[in-house]
Protein backbone atom coordinates (compact mmCIF):
# COMPACT_ATOMS: atom_id res chain seq x y z
CA MET A 1 -108.74 163.31 192.40
CA TRP A 2 -106.28 165.45 194.65
CA LEU A 3 -106.15 162.55 197.18
CA VAL A 4 -105.63 159.81 194.96
CA MET A 5 -102.66 161.74 192.97
CA ALA A 6 -101.28 162.86 196.68
CA GLY A 7 -101.08 159.00 197.38
CA TRP A 8 -99.43 158.22 194.32
CA VAL A 9 -97.20 160.95 194.62
CA ALA A 10 -96.09 159.86 198.39
CA SER A 11 -96.07 156.31 197.42
CA ALA A 12 -93.55 156.78 194.20
CA LEU A 13 -91.00 158.63 196.63
CA VAL A 14 -91.22 155.81 199.15
CA PHE A 15 -90.74 153.13 196.65
CA SER A 16 -87.67 155.64 195.23
CA ALA A 17 -86.15 155.81 198.54
CA PHE A 18 -85.07 152.04 197.90
CA PHE A 19 -83.02 152.70 195.07
CA THR A 20 -80.74 155.53 196.65
CA LYS A 21 -77.14 154.63 197.20
CA THR A 22 -76.64 157.26 200.10
CA MET A 23 -77.62 158.11 203.04
CA LEU A 24 -78.20 161.98 202.46
CA ARG A 25 -80.32 161.14 199.54
CA LEU A 26 -82.14 158.80 201.44
CA ARG A 27 -82.89 161.42 204.00
CA VAL A 28 -83.84 164.30 201.40
CA ILE A 29 -86.54 161.69 200.02
CA GLY A 30 -87.21 160.46 203.35
CA ILE A 31 -88.35 164.00 204.13
CA ALA A 32 -90.10 164.48 201.00
CA SER A 33 -92.06 161.56 201.63
CA ASN A 34 -93.13 162.33 205.18
CA LEU A 35 -94.42 165.66 203.93
CA ALA A 36 -96.49 164.17 200.97
CA PHE A 37 -97.90 161.31 203.02
CA MET A 38 -99.02 164.42 205.53
CA SER A 39 -100.38 166.25 202.70
CA TYR A 40 -102.19 163.21 201.24
CA ALA A 41 -103.49 162.59 205.06
CA LEU A 42 -104.46 166.15 205.50
CA LEU A 43 -106.18 166.08 201.95
CA GLY A 44 -108.68 163.67 203.47
CA LEU A 45 -110.07 166.66 205.77
CA VAL A 46 -111.24 168.04 202.35
CA TYR A 47 -112.87 164.41 201.39
CA GLY A 48 -114.16 163.38 204.48
CA ASP A 49 -111.53 160.72 204.88
CA PHE A 50 -109.48 161.86 207.31
CA THR A 51 -110.45 159.79 209.99
CA ARG A 52 -109.24 156.66 208.04
CA LEU A 53 -106.32 158.77 207.05
CA TYR A 54 -105.38 159.84 210.65
CA PRO A 55 -102.71 157.03 211.47
CA ILE A 56 -100.96 157.69 208.70
CA PHE A 57 -100.22 161.44 209.21
CA VAL A 58 -99.48 160.79 212.83
CA LEU A 59 -96.77 158.40 211.54
CA HIS A 60 -95.19 160.80 208.98
CA ALA A 61 -95.37 163.73 211.54
CA THR A 62 -93.53 161.77 213.83
CA LEU A 63 -91.02 160.81 211.61
CA LEU A 64 -90.22 163.88 209.92
CA PRO A 65 -88.40 165.55 213.29
CA LEU A 66 -86.35 162.23 213.26
CA ASN A 67 -85.71 162.28 209.45
CA VAL A 68 -84.59 165.90 209.60
CA SER A 69 -82.45 165.73 212.73
CA ARG A 70 -80.57 162.82 210.95
CA LEU A 71 -80.09 165.06 207.82
CA GLN A 72 -78.24 167.67 210.14
CA GLN A 73 -76.29 164.87 211.99
CA LEU A 74 -75.12 163.77 208.54
CA ARG A 75 -74.12 167.60 207.44
CA ARG A 76 -72.13 168.00 210.71
CA VAL A 77 -70.11 165.09 210.10
CA GLY A 78 -68.25 166.21 206.97
CA PRO A 79 -68.28 166.31 203.25
CA VAL A 80 -70.54 163.35 201.78
CA VAL A 81 -69.50 161.47 198.79
CA THR A 82 -72.30 161.75 196.38
CA ASP A 83 -72.84 159.67 193.03
């Protein structure tokens, strides 16, 4: 049950990222999505599906530092206009 719910939340975050209009918001949603997908994959340990979800964990574990560093770069640039 928790595994399915985590998968849907992670998928909804990715879907919502396509509707963002600013890079700042895109990075924040990207970070939340990375964390949600990593949680989804780690829940596979509880339900015995981690071997199938391991690639998802690796992908989002490598994307998370990238999104964090890009967010820091955006903040260093200066004030960002948000809508």
